[in-house]
Amino acid sequence: MRDPRNTAETQELSPDAKALIGRARRSFLFSIGLLLVGFIAIGGVLVYRASQGSGAPSGADYIIAALKIPAGAEVISAVAAGGQLTVTYKAGPMTSVRIFDGKTGEMIREIPVVSE
């Protein structure tokens, strides 16, 4: 009985078959090379984006030293976002929200909170 694995060793390939296998091999190597270049490019972009930071506001966006709220008021919350500082406070029965510029400390707007 013949071993099917040995038949490939005994048969000689035709020149057309050799050319076809050579083209397939070059095409495969080109595809793998292109895939590797793509992976390297993606890795480079990820490293670049990670080194640039998340784009979140830095401490330099907030340099105010003090904020003005009414005397005796209780601060409920303070949120820093987008270069502004939003402070919610309660002065007696009245609750208000003040929005301050993060760099100058200037009050941009005061919003009274009223119940319905």
PDB file of N, CA and C in Angstrom:
ATOM      1  N   MET A   1       0.835  -1.169   0.000  1.00  0.00           N
ATOM      2  CA  MET A   1       0.000   0.000   0.000  1.00  0.00           C
ATOM      3  C   MET A   1       0.888   1.243   0.000  1.00  0.00           C
ATOM      4  N   ARG A   2       0.480   2.251  -0.739  1.00  0.00           N
ATOM      5  CA  ARG A   2       1.266   3.469  -0.871  1.00  0.00           C
ATOM      6  C   ARG A   2       0.904   4.473   0.211  1.00  0.00           C
ATOM      7  N   ASP A   3       1.892   5.190   0.678  1.00  0.00           N
ATOM      8  CA  ASP A   3       1.700   6.238   1.677  1.00  0.00           C
ATOM      9  C   ASP A   3       1.367   7.538   0.934  1.00  0.00           C
ATOM     10  N   PRO A   4       0.184   8.146   1.226  1.00  0.00           N
ATOM     11  CA  PRO A   4      -0.181   9.367   0.480  1.00  0.00           C
ATOM     12  C   PRO A   4       0.760  10.532   0.742  1.00  0.00           C
ATOM     13  N   ARG A   5       1.486  10.508   1.838  1.00  0.00           N
ATOM     14  CA  ARG A   5       2.416  11.595   2.133  1.00  0.00           C
ATOM     15  C   ARG A   5       3.630  11.557   1.215  1.00  0.00           C
ATOM     16  N   ASN A   6       4.001  10.421   0.759  1.00  0.00           N
ATOM     17  CA  ASN A   6       5.176  10.284  -0.088  1.00  0.00           C
ATOM     18  C   ASN A   6       4.905  10.644  -1.542  1.00  0.00           C
ATOM     19  N   THR A   7       3.651  10.754  -1.927  1.00  0.00           N
ATOM     20  CA  THR A   7       3.350  11.041  -3.330  1.00  0.00           C
ATOM     21  C   THR A   7       3.792  12.449  -3.707  1.00  0.00           C
ATOM     22  N   ALA A   8       3.729  13.393  -2.772  1.00  0.00           N
ATOM     23  CA  ALA A   8       4.155  14.762  -3.066  1.00  0.00           C
ATOM     24  C   ALA A   8       5.663  14.820  -3.281  1.00  0.00           C
ATOM     25  N   GLU A   9       6.417  13.977  -2.597  1.00  0.00           N
ATOM     26  CA  GLU A   9       7.863  13.969  -2.746  1.00  0.00           C
ATOM     27  C   GLU A   9       8.290  13.384  -4.087  1.00  0.00           C
ATOM     28  N   THR A  10       7.542  12.418  -4.566  1.00  0.00           N
ATOM     29  CA  THR A  10       7.939  11.759  -5.805  1.00  0.00           C
ATOM     30  C   THR A  10       7.468  12.519  -7.037  1.00  0.00           C
ATOM     31  N   GLN A  11       6.397  13.304  -6.920  1.00  0.00           N
ATOM     32  CA  GLN A  11       5.899  14.045  -8.079  1.00  0.00           C
ATOM     33  C   GLN A  11       6.660  15.351  -8.216  1.00  0.00           C
ATOM     34  N   GLU A  12       7.008  15.680  -9.425  1.00  0.00           N
ATOM     35  CA  GLU A  12       7.682  16.936  -9.718  1.00  0.00           C
ATOM     36  C   GLU A  12       6.623  17.944 -10.150  1.00  0.00           C
ATOM     37  N   LEU A  13       6.729  19.189  -9.665  1.00  0.00           N
ATOM     38  CA  LEU A  13       5.757  20.219 -10.016  1.00  0.00           C
ATOM     39  C   LEU A  13       6.086  20.789 -11.388  1.00  0.00           C
ATOM     40  N   SER A  14       5.029  21.143 -12.092  1.00  0.00           N
ATOM     41  CA  SER A  14       5.218  21.750 -13.409  1.00  0.00           C
ATOM     42  C   SER A  14       5.664  23.199 -13.225  1.00  0.00           C
ATOM     43  N   PRO A  15       6.270  23.815 -14.229  1.00  0.00           N
ATOM     44  CA  PRO A  15       6.693  25.219 -14.113  1.00  0.00           C
ATOM     45  C   PRO A  15       5.520  26.161 -13.824  1.00  0.00           C
ATOM     46  N   ASP A  16       4.341  25.867 -14.377  1.00  0.00           N
ATOM     47  CA  ASP A  16       3.174  26.705 -14.105  1.00  0.00           C
ATOM     48  C   ASP A  16       2.764  26.603 -12.637  1.00  0.00           C
ATOM     49  N   ALA A  17       2.809  25.397 -12.074  1.00  0.00           N
ATOM     50  CA  ALA A  17       2.451  25.210 -10.669  1.00  0.00           C
ATOM     51  C   ALA A  17       3.460  25.900  -9.762  1.00  0.00           C
ATOM     52  N   LYS A  18       4.754  25.825 -10.129  1.00  0.00           N
ATOM     53  CA  LYS A  18       5.780  26.512  -9.338  1.00  0.00           C
ATOM     54  C   LYS A  18       5.568  28.027  -9.376  1.00  0.00           C
ATOM     55  N   ALA A  19       5.227  28.552 -10.535  1.00  0.00           N
ATOM     56  CA  ALA A  19       4.975  29.987 -10.661  1.00  0.00           C
ATOM     57  C   ALA A  19       3.757  30.404  -9.829  1.00  0.00           C
ATOM     58  N   LEU A  20       2.710  29.573  -9.841  1.00  0.00           N
ATOM     59  CA  LEU A  20       1.505  29.857  -9.074  1.00  0.00           C
ATOM     60  C   LEU A  20       1.801  29.837  -7.574  1.00  0.00           C
ATOM     61  N   ILE A  21       2.558  28.880  -7.121  1.00  0.00           N
ATOM     62  CA  ILE A  21       2.927  28.797  -5.704  1.00  0.00           C
ATOM     63  C   ILE A  21       3.807  29.984  -5.318  1.00  0.00           C
ATOM     64  N   GLY A  22       4.713  30.382  -6.202  1.00  0.00           N
ATOM     65  CA  GLY A  22       5.561  31.549  -5.933  1.00  0.00           C
ATOM     66  C   GLY A  22       4.746  32.827  -5.798  1.00  0.00           C
ATOM     67  N   ARG A  23       3.747  33.020  -6.695  1.00  0.00           N
ATOM     68  CA  ARG A  23       2.884  34.203  -6.593  1.00  0.00           C
ATOM     69  C   ARG A  23       2.053  34.172  -5.325  1.00  0.00           C
ATOM     70  N   ALA A  24       1.555  33.004  -4.954  1.00  0.00           N
ATOM     71  CA  ALA A  24       0.766  32.885  -3.718  1.00  0.00           C
ATOM     72  C   ALA A  24       1.631  33.197  -2.503  1.00  0.00           C
ATOM     73  N   ARG A  25       2.866  32.733  -2.521  1.00  0.00           N
ATOM     74  CA  ARG A  25       3.780  32.996  -1.400  1.00  0.00           C
ATOM     75  C   ARG A  25       4.085  34.494  -1.290  1.00  0.00           C
ATOM     76  N   ARG A  26       4.348  35.164  -2.415  1.00  0.00           N
ATOM     77  CA  ARG A  26       4.612  36.604  -2.392  1.00  0.00           C
ATOM     78  C   ARG A  26       3.384  37.385  -1.927  1.00  0.00           C
ATOM     79  N   SER A  27       2.219  36.979  -2.379  1.00  0.00           N
ATOM     80  CA  SER A  27       0.985  37.636  -1.965  1.00  0.00           C
ATOM     81  C   SER A  27       0.772  37.479  -0.457  1.00  0.00           C
ATOM     82  N   PHE A  28       1.036  36.290   0.058  1.00  0.00           N
ATOM     83  CA  PHE A  28       0.899  36.039   1.495  1.00  0.00           C
ATOM     84  C   PHE A  28       1.874  36.899   2.283  1.00  0.00           C
ATOM     85  N   LEU A  29       3.136  36.955   1.842  1.00  0.00           N
ATOM     86  CA  LEU A  29       4.133  37.754   2.552  1.00  0.00           C
ATOM     87  C   LEU A  29       3.789  39.247   2.504  1.00  0.00           C
ATOM     88  N   PHE A  30       3.269  39.716   1.373  1.00  0.00           N
ATOM     89  CA  PHE A  30       2.847  41.107   1.271  1.00  0.00           C
ATOM     90  C   PHE A  30       1.700  41.393   2.236  1.00  0.00           C
ATOM     91  N   SER A  31       0.728  40.506   2.312  1.00  0.00           N
ATOM     92  CA  SER A  31      -0.416  40.692   3.219  1.00  0.00           C
ATOM     93  C   SER A  31       0.026  40.705   4.675  1.00  0.00           C
ATOM     94  N   ILE A  32       0.902  39.805   5.047  1.00  0.00           N
ATOM     95  CA  ILE A  32       1.400  39.754   6.426  1.00  0.00           C
ATOM     96  C   ILE A  32       2.198  41.020   6.732  1.00  0.00           C
ATOM     97  N   GLY A  33       3.017  41.466   5.780  1.00  0.00           N
ATOM     98  CA  GLY A  33       3.777  42.701   5.993  1.00  0.00           C
ATOM     99  C   GLY A  33       2.865  43.903   6.178  1.00  0.00           C
ATOM    100  N   LEU A  34       1.825  44.001   5.359  1.00  0.00           N
ATOM    101  CA  LEU A  34       0.870  45.090   5.481  1.00  0.00           C
ATOM    102  C   LEU A  34       0.139  45.024   6.822  1.00  0.00           C
ATOM    103  N   LEU A  35      -0.211  43.845   7.271  1.00  0.00           N
ATOM    104  CA  LEU A  35      -0.865  43.669   8.566  1.00  0.00           C
ATOM    105  C   LEU A  35       0.047  44.126   9.706  1.00  0.00           C
ATOM    106  N   LEU A  36       1.321  43.765   9.634  1.00  0.00           N
ATOM    107  CA  LEU A  36       2.271  44.175  10.670  1.00  0.00           C
ATOM    108  C   LEU A  36       2.465  45.693  10.681  1.00  0.00           C
ATOM    109  N   VAL A  37       2.541  46.309   9.507  1.00  0.00           N
ATOM    110  CA  VAL A  37       2.666  47.762   9.438  1.00  0.00           C
ATOM    111  C   VAL A  37       1.430  48.416  10.056  1.00  0.00           C
ATOM    112  N   GLY A  38       0.261  47.863   9.803  1.00  0.00           N
ATOM    113  CA  GLY A  38      -0.972  48.388  10.397  1.00  0.00           C
ATOM    114  C   GLY A  38      -0.965  48.286  11.913  1.00  0.00           C
ATOM    115  N   PHE A  39      -0.521  47.143  12.440  1.00  0.00           N
ATOM    116  CA  PHE A  39      -0.444  46.977  13.896  1.00  0.00           C
ATOM    117  C   PHE A  39       0.550  47.953  14.511  1.00  0.00           C
ATOM    118  N   ILE A  40       1.672  48.170  13.843  1.00  0.00           N
ATOM    119  CA  ILE A  40       2.665  49.114  14.357  1.00  0.00           C
ATOM    120  C   ILE A  40       2.087  50.533  14.350  1.00  0.00           C
ATOM    121  N   ALA A  41       1.348  50.891  13.310  1.00  0.00           N
ATOM    122  CA  ALA A  41       0.734  52.222  13.237  1.00  0.00           C
ATOM    123  C   ALA A  41      -0.295  52.409  14.354  1.00  0.00           C
ATOM    124  N   ILE A  42      -1.115  51.402  14.591  1.00  0.00           N
ATOM    125  CA  ILE A  42      -2.115  51.482  15.667  1.00  0.00           C
ATOM    126  C   ILE A  42      -1.423  51.604  17.021  1.00  0.00           C
ATOM    127  N   GLY A  43      -0.380  50.831  17.235  1.00  0.00           N
ATOM    128  CA  GLY A  43       0.374  50.924  18.493  1.00  0.00           C
ATOM    129  C   GLY A  43       0.983  52.303  18.672  1.00  0.00           C
ATOM    130  N   GLY A  44       1.520  52.874  17.599  1.00  0.00           N
ATOM    131  CA  GLY A  44       2.088  54.220  17.678  1.00  0.00           C
ATOM    132  C   GLY A  44       1.047  55.264  18.029  1.00  0.00           C
ATOM    133  N   VAL A  45      -0.137  55.149  17.442  1.00  0.00           N
ATOM    134  CA  VAL A  45      -1.214  56.095  17.744  1.00  0.00           C
ATOM    135  C   VAL A  45      -1.645  55.957  19.206  1.00  0.00           C
ATOM    136  N   LEU A  46      -1.757  54.738  19.700  1.00  0.00           N
ATOM    137  CA  LEU A  46      -2.143  54.538  21.095  1.00  0.00           C
ATOM    138  C   LEU A  46      -1.116  55.121  22.056  1.00  0.00           C
ATOM    139  N   VAL A  47       0.153  54.916  21.771  1.00  0.00           N
ATOM    140  CA  VAL A  47       1.202  55.477  22.631  1.00  0.00           C
ATOM    141  C   VAL A  47       1.170  56.999  22.573  1.00  0.00           C
ATOM    142  N   TYR A  48       0.981  57.562  21.383  1.00  0.00           N
ATOM    143  CA  TYR A  48       0.917  59.016  21.243  1.00  0.00           C
ATOM    144  C   TYR A  48      -0.254  59.596  22.029  1.00  0.00           C
ATOM    145  N   ARG A  49      -1.443  58.983  21.881  1.00  0.00           N
ATOM    146  CA  ARG A  49      -2.628  59.488  22.586  1.00  0.00           C
ATOM    147  C   ARG A  49      -2.472  59.355  24.093  1.00  0.00           C
ATOM    148  N   ALA A  50      -1.859  58.281  24.556  1.00  0.00           N
ATOM    149  CA  ALA A  50      -1.671  58.097  25.994  1.00  0.00           C
ATOM    150  C   ALA A  50      -0.681  59.111  26.551  1.00  0.00           C
ATOM    151  N   SER A  51       0.310  59.498  25.767  1.00  0.00           N
ATOM    152  CA  SER A  51       1.302  60.451  26.248  1.00  0.00           C
ATOM    153  C   SER A  51       0.790  61.889  26.222  1.00  0.00           C
ATOM    154  N   GLN A  52      -0.258  62.168  25.455  1.00  0.00           N
ATOM    155  CA  GLN A  52      -0.801  63.519  25.353  1.00  0.00           C
ATOM    156  C   GLN A  52      -1.781  63.850  26.466  1.00  0.00           C
ATOM    157  N   GLY A  53      -2.217  62.890  27.226  1.00  0.00           N
ATOM    158  CA  GLY A  53      -3.191  63.144  28.291  1.00  0.00           C
ATOM    159  C   GLY A  53      -4.600  62.925  27.783  1.00  0.00           C
ATOM    160  N   SER A  54      -5.546  63.027  28.685  1.00  0.00           N
ATOM    161  CA  SER A  54      -6.932  62.727  28.342  1.00  0.00           C
ATOM    162  C   SER A  54      -7.706  63.941  27.867  1.00  0.00           C
ATOM    163  N   GLY A  55      -7.108  65.118  27.881  1.00  0.00           N
ATOM    164  CA  GLY A  55      -7.814  66.313  27.455  1.00  0.00           C
ATOM    165  C   GLY A  55      -8.658  66.908  28.582  1.00  0.00           C
ATOM    166  N   ALA A  56      -8.577  66.340  29.760  1.00  0.00           N
ATOM    167  CA  ALA A  56      -9.317  66.867  30.898  1.00  0.00           C
ATOM    168  C   ALA A  56      -8.686  68.180  31.342  1.00  0.00           C
ATOM    169  N   PRO A  57      -9.466  69.031  31.975  1.00  0.00           N
ATOM    170  CA  PRO A  57      -8.904  70.295  32.439  1.00  0.00           C
ATOM    171  C   PRO A  57      -7.767  70.058  33.425  1.00  0.00           C
ATOM    172  N   SER A  58      -6.742  70.847  33.286  1.00  0.00           N
ATOM    173  CA  SER A  58      -5.608  70.707  34.192  1.00  0.00           C
ATOM    174  C   SER A  58      -5.745  71.700  35.331  1.00  0.00           C
ATOM    175  N   GLY A  59      -4.836  71.637  36.263  1.00  0.00           N
ATOM    176  CA  GLY A  59      -4.855  72.560  37.385  1.00  0.00           C
ATOM    177  C   GLY A  59      -4.622  73.992  36.953  1.00  0.00           C
ATOM    178  N   ALA A  60      -4.003  74.198  35.798  1.00  0.00           N
ATOM    179  CA  ALA A  60      -3.744  75.551  35.307  1.00  0.00           C
ATOM    180  C   ALA A  60      -5.037  76.257  34.892  1.00  0.00           C
ATOM    181  N   ASP A  61      -6.114  75.490  34.658  1.00  0.00           N
ATOM    182  CA  ASP A  61      -7.397  76.086  34.286  1.00  0.00           C
ATOM    183  C   ASP A  61      -8.106  76.712  35.485  1.00  0.00           C
ATOM    184  N   TYR A  62      -7.656  76.407  36.702  1.00  0.00           N
ATOM    185  CA  TYR A  62      -8.310  76.889  37.911  1.00  0.00           C
ATOM    186  C   TYR A  62      -7.260  77.510  38.821  1.00  0.00           C
ATOM    187  N   ILE A  63      -7.170  78.859  38.787  1.00  0.00           N
ATOM    188  CA  ILE A  63      -6.156  79.518  39.602  1.00  0.00           C
ATOM    189  C   ILE A  63      -6.774  80.502  40.595  1.00  0.00           C
ATOM    190  N   ILE A  64      -8.089  80.449  40.784  1.00  0.00           N
ATOM    191  CA  ILE A  64      -8.732  81.376  41.711  1.00  0.00           C
ATOM    192  C   ILE A  64      -8.338  81.037  43.142  1.00  0.00           C
ATOM    193  N   ALA A  65      -8.197  82.074  43.944  1.00  0.00           N
ATOM    194  CA  ALA A  65      -7.773  81.891  45.326  1.00  0.00           C
ATOM    195  C   ALA A  65      -8.957  81.879  46.285  1.00  0.00           C
ATOM    196  N   ALA A  66     -10.029  82.615  45.971  1.00  0.00           N
ATOM    197  CA  ALA A  66     -11.176  82.698  46.865  1.00  0.00           C
ATOM    198  C   ALA A  66     -12.437  82.978  46.058  1.00  0.00           C
ATOM    199  N   LEU A  67     -13.574  82.509  46.587  1.00  0.00           N
ATOM    200  CA  LEU A  67     -14.879  82.743  45.982  1.00  0.00           C
ATOM    201  C   LEU A  67     -15.738  83.511  46.970  1.00  0.00           C
ATOM    202  N   LYS A  68     -16.635  84.324  46.448  1.00  0.00           N
ATOM    203  CA  LYS A  68     -17.529  85.090  47.311  1.00  0.00           C
ATOM    204  C   LYS A  68     -18.904  84.448  47.327  1.00  0.00           C
ATOM    205  N   ILE A  69     -19.318  84.035  48.534  1.00  0.00           N
ATOM    206  CA  ILE A  69     -20.688  83.584  48.760  1.00  0.00           C
ATOM    207  C   ILE A  69     -21.190  84.344  49.982  1.00  0.00           C
ATOM    208  N   PRO A  70     -22.506  84.437  50.144  1.00  0.00           N
ATOM    209  CA  PRO A  70     -23.032  85.207  51.268  1.00  0.00           C
ATOM    210  C   PRO A  70     -22.533  84.677  52.617  1.00  0.00           C
ATOM    211  N   ALA A  71     -22.396  85.595  53.578  1.00  0.00           N
ATOM    212  CA  ALA A  71     -21.936  85.224  54.921  1.00  0.00           C
ATOM    213  C   ALA A  71     -22.945  84.285  55.572  1.00  0.00           C
ATOM    214  N   GLY A  72     -22.454  83.239  56.210  1.00  0.00           N
ATOM    215  CA  GLY A  72     -23.304  82.274  56.896  1.00  0.00           C
ATOM    216  C   GLY A  72     -23.899  81.223  55.970  1.00  0.00           C
ATOM    217  N   ALA A  73     -23.575  81.264  54.693  1.00  0.00           N
ATOM    218  CA  ALA A  73     -24.121  80.286  53.749  1.00  0.00           C
ATOM    219  C   ALA A  73     -23.384  78.960  53.897  1.00  0.00           C
ATOM    220  N   GLU A  74     -24.123  77.876  53.651  1.00  0.00           N
ATOM    221  CA  GLU A  74     -23.554  76.523  53.730  1.00  0.00           C
ATOM    222  C   GLU A  74     -23.365  75.998  52.306  1.00  0.00           C
ATOM    223  N   VAL A  75     -22.143  75.624  51.962  1.00  0.00           N
ATOM    224  CA  VAL A  75     -21.859  75.094  50.625  1.00  0.00           C
ATOM    225  C   VAL A  75     -22.361  73.659  50.553  1.00  0.00           C
ATOM    226  N   ILE A  76     -23.212  73.396  49.575  1.00  0.00           N
ATOM    227  CA  ILE A  76     -23.765  72.047  49.378  1.00  0.00           C
ATOM    228  C   ILE A  76     -22.868  71.246  48.445  1.00  0.00           C
ATOM    229  N   SER A  77     -22.439  71.883  47.345  1.00  0.00           N
ATOM    230  CA  SER A  77     -21.530  71.200  46.416  1.00  0.00           C
ATOM    231  C   SER A  77     -20.737  72.217  45.624  1.00  0.00           C
ATOM    232  N   ALA A  78     -19.602  71.763  45.122  1.00  0.00           N
ATOM    233  CA  ALA A  78     -18.760  72.566  44.242  1.00  0.00           C
ATOM    234  C   ALA A  78     -18.218  71.635  43.168  1.00  0.00           C
ATOM    235  N   VAL A  79     -18.413  72.026  41.903  1.00  0.00           N
ATOM    236  CA  VAL A  79     -17.999  71.189  40.774  1.00  0.00           C
ATOM    237  C   VAL A  79     -17.159  72.036  39.819  1.00  0.00           C
ATOM    238  N   ALA A  80     -15.971  71.523  39.469  1.00  0.00           N
ATOM    239  CA  ALA A  80     -15.102  72.183  38.500  1.00  0.00           C
ATOM    240  C   ALA A  80     -15.187  71.425  37.187  1.00  0.00           C
ATOM    241  N   ALA A  81     -15.599  72.126  36.128  1.00  0.00           N
ATOM    242  CA  ALA A  81     -15.695  71.499  34.805  1.00  0.00           C
ATOM    243  C   ALA A  81     -15.679  72.582  33.736  1.00  0.00           C
ATOM    244  N   GLY A  82     -14.976  72.315  32.656  1.00  0.00           N
ATOM    245  CA  GLY A  82     -14.960  73.223  31.515  1.00  0.00           C
ATOM    246  C   GLY A  82     -14.388  74.599  31.819  1.00  0.00           C
ATOM    247  N   GLY A  83     -13.468  74.689  32.761  1.00  0.00           N
ATOM    248  CA  GLY A  83     -12.867  75.970  33.089  1.00  0.00           C
ATOM    249  C   GLY A  83     -13.738  76.842  33.979  1.00  0.00           C
ATOM    250  N   GLN A  84     -14.845  76.276  34.465  1.00  0.00           N
ATOM    251  CA  GLN A  84     -15.739  77.012  35.350  1.00  0.00           C
ATOM    252  C   GLN A  84     -15.911  76.238  36.653  1.00  0.00           C
ATOM    253  N   LEU A  85     -16.277  76.962  37.693  1.00  0.00           N
ATOM    254  CA  LEU A  85     -16.534  76.360  38.993  1.00  0.00           C
ATOM    255  C   LEU A  85     -17.980  76.658  39.342  1.00  0.00           C
ATOM    256  N   THR A  86     -18.758  75.624  39.594  1.00  0.00           N
ATOM    257  CA  THR A  86     -20.161  75.771  39.946  1.00  0.00           C
ATOM    258  C   THR A  86     -20.317  75.443  41.422  1.00  0.00           C
ATOM    259  N   VAL A  87     -20.849  76.394  42.178  1.00  0.00           N
ATOM    260  CA  VAL A  87     -21.011  76.229  43.622  1.00  0.00           C
ATOM    261  C   VAL A  87     -22.498  76.307  43.947  1.00  0.00           C
ATOM    262  N   THR A  88     -23.000  75.298  44.635  1.00  0.00           N
ATOM    263  CA  THR A  88     -24.371  75.298  45.125  1.00  0.00           C
ATOM    264  C   THR A  88     -24.308  75.542  46.627  1.00  0.00           C
ATOM    265  N   TYR A  89     -25.069  76.509  47.103  1.00  0.00           N
ATOM    266  CA  TYR A  89     -25.029  76.835  48.530  1.00  0.00           C
ATOM    267  C   TYR A  89     -26.432  77.137  49.031  1.00  0.00           C
ATOM    268  N   LYS A  90     -26.561  77.078  50.343  1.00  0.00           N
ATOM    269  CA  LYS A  90     -27.838  77.350  50.984  1.00  0.00           C
ATOM    270  C   LYS A  90     -27.602  78.457  52.007  1.00  0.00           C
ATOM    271  N   ALA A  91     -28.335  79.564  51.845  1.00  0.00           N
ATOM    272  CA  ALA A  91     -28.268  80.689  52.772  1.00  0.00           C
ATOM    273  C   ALA A  91     -29.652  80.859  53.378  1.00  0.00           C
ATOM    274  N   GLY A  92     -29.825  80.358  54.596  1.00  0.00           N
ATOM    275  CA  GLY A  92     -31.149  80.380  55.222  1.00  0.00           C
ATOM    276  C   GLY A  92     -32.064  79.432  54.467  1.00  0.00           C
ATOM    277  N   PRO A  93     -33.274  79.869  54.121  1.00  0.00           N
ATOM    278  CA  PRO A  93     -34.198  78.982  53.395  1.00  0.00           C
ATOM    279  C   PRO A  93     -33.944  78.964  51.884  1.00  0.00           C
ATOM    280  N   MET A  94     -33.096  79.855  51.398  1.00  0.00           N
ATOM    281  CA  MET A  94     -32.871  79.996  49.958  1.00  0.00           C
ATOM    282  C   MET A  94     -31.656  79.185  49.499  1.00  0.00           C
ATOM    283  N   THR A  95     -31.835  78.417  48.432  1.00  0.00           N
ATOM    284  CA  THR A  95     -30.736  77.671  47.813  1.00  0.00           C
ATOM    285  C   THR A  95     -30.422  78.327  46.469  1.00  0.00           C
ATOM    286  N   SER A  96     -29.134  78.513  46.194  1.00  0.00           N
ATOM    287  CA  SER A  96     -28.721  79.153  44.949  1.00  0.00           C
ATOM    288  C   SER A  96     -27.512  78.435  44.357  1.00  0.00           C
ATOM    289  N   VAL A  97     -27.324  78.684  43.073  1.00  0.00           N
ATOM    290  CA  VAL A  97     -26.170  78.152  42.354  1.00  0.00           C
ATOM    291  C   VAL A  97     -25.416  79.348  41.767  1.00  0.00           C
ATOM    292  N   ARG A  98     -24.121  79.390  42.011  1.00  0.00           N
ATOM    293  CA  ARG A  98     -23.283  80.429  41.416  1.00  0.00           C
ATOM    294  C   ARG A  98     -22.242  79.763  40.523  1.00  0.00           C
ATOM    295  N   ILE A  99     -22.042  80.365  39.342  1.00  0.00           N
ATOM    296  CA  ILE A  99     -21.059  79.858  38.391  1.00  0.00           C
ATOM    297  C   ILE A  99     -19.944  80.889  38.290  1.00  0.00           C
ATOM    298  N   PHE A 100     -18.708  80.445  38.548  1.00  0.00           N
ATOM    299  CA  PHE A 100     -17.546  81.327  38.553  1.00  0.00           C
ATOM    300  C   PHE A 100     -16.598  80.938  37.420  1.00  0.00           C
ATOM    301  N   ASP A 101     -15.895  81.930  36.888  1.00  0.00           N
ATOM    302  CA  ASP A 101     -14.824  81.678  35.922  1.00  0.00           C
ATOM    303  C   ASP A 101     -13.645  81.079  36.689  1.00  0.00           C
ATOM    304  N   GLY A 102     -13.082  80.010  36.187  1.00  0.00           N
ATOM    305  CA  GLY A 102     -12.018  79.311  36.897  1.00  0.00           C
ATOM    306  C   GLY A 102     -10.704  80.059  36.945  1.00  0.00           C
ATOM    307  N   LYS A 103     -10.456  80.966  36.021  1.00  0.00           N
ATOM    308  CA  LYS A 103      -9.185  81.688  36.005  1.00  0.00           C
ATOM    309  C   LYS A 103      -9.252  83.007  36.762  1.00  0.00           C
ATOM    310  N   THR A 104     -10.325  83.757  36.582  1.00  0.00           N
ATOM    311  CA  THR A 104     -10.398  85.085  37.194  1.00  0.00           C
ATOM    312  C   THR A 104     -11.133  85.074  38.526  1.00  0.00           C
ATOM    313  N   GLY A 105     -11.995  84.097  38.747  1.00  0.00           N
ATOM    314  CA  GLY A 105     -12.801  84.068  39.969  1.00  0.00           C
ATOM    315  C   GLY A 105     -14.031  84.938  39.868  1.00  0.00           C
ATOM    316  N   GLU A 106     -14.247  85.556  38.726  1.00  0.00           N
ATOM    317  CA  GLU A 106     -15.403  86.426  38.519  1.00  0.00           C
ATOM    318  C   GLU A 106     -16.674  85.585  38.443  1.00  0.00           C
ATOM    319  N   MET A 107     -17.732  86.066  39.123  1.00  0.00           N
ATOM    320  CA  MET A 107     -19.011  85.359  39.070  1.00  0.00           C
ATOM    321  C   MET A 107     -19.647  85.596  37.701  1.00  0.00           C
ATOM    322  N   ILE A 108     -19.966  84.519  37.008  1.00  0.00           N
ATOM    323  CA  ILE A 108     -20.570  84.600  35.684  1.00  0.00           C
ATOM    324  C   ILE A 108     -22.083  84.722  35.810  1.00  0.00           C
ATOM    325  N   ARG A 109     -22.636  83.923  36.715  1.00  0.00           N
ATOM    326  CA  ARG A 109     -24.093  83.885  36.827  1.00  0.00           C
ATOM    327  C   ARG A 109     -24.506  83.337  38.183  1.00  0.00           C
ATOM    328  N   GLU A 110     -25.642  83.835  38.680  1.00  0.00           N
ATOM    329  CA  GLU A 110     -26.243  83.279  39.904  1.00  0.00           C
ATOM    330  C   GLU A 110     -27.639  82.822  39.561  1.00  0.00           C
ATOM    331  N   ILE A 111     -27.957  81.599  39.955  1.00  0.00           N
ATOM    332  CA  ILE A 111     -29.249  81.004  39.647  1.00  0.00           C
ATOM    333  C   ILE A 111     -29.941  80.624  40.962  1.00  0.00           C
ATOM    334  N   PRO A 112     -31.070  81.251  41.291  1.00  0.00           N
ATOM    335  CA  PRO A 112     -31.793  80.836  42.497  1.00  0.00           C
ATOM    336  C   PRO A 112     -32.541  79.533  42.224  1.00  0.00           C
ATOM    337  N   VAL A 113     -32.555  78.662  43.210  1.00  0.00           N
ATOM    338  CA  VAL A 113     -33.274  77.389  43.103  1.00  0.00           C
ATOM    339  C   VAL A 113     -34.606  77.575  43.818  1.00  0.00           C
ATOM    340  N   VAL A 114     -35.703  77.460  43.081  1.00  0.00           N
ATOM    341  CA  VAL A 114     -37.047  77.645  43.650  1.00  0.00           C
ATOM    342  C   VAL A 114     -37.804  76.330  43.553  1.00  0.00           C
ATOM    343  N   SER A 115     -38.687  76.131  44.507  1.00  0.00           N
ATOM    344  CA  SER A 115     -39.500  74.899  44.482  1.00  0.00           C
ATOM    345  C   SER A 115     -40.771  75.160  43.700  1.00  0.00           C
ATOM    346  N   GLU A 116     -41.337  74.119  43.155  1.00  0.00           N
ATOM    347  CA  GLU A 116     -42.575  74.239  42.366  1.00  0.00           C
ATOM    348  C   GLU A 116     -43.780  74.023  43.240  1.00  0.00           C
TER     349      GLU A 116
END
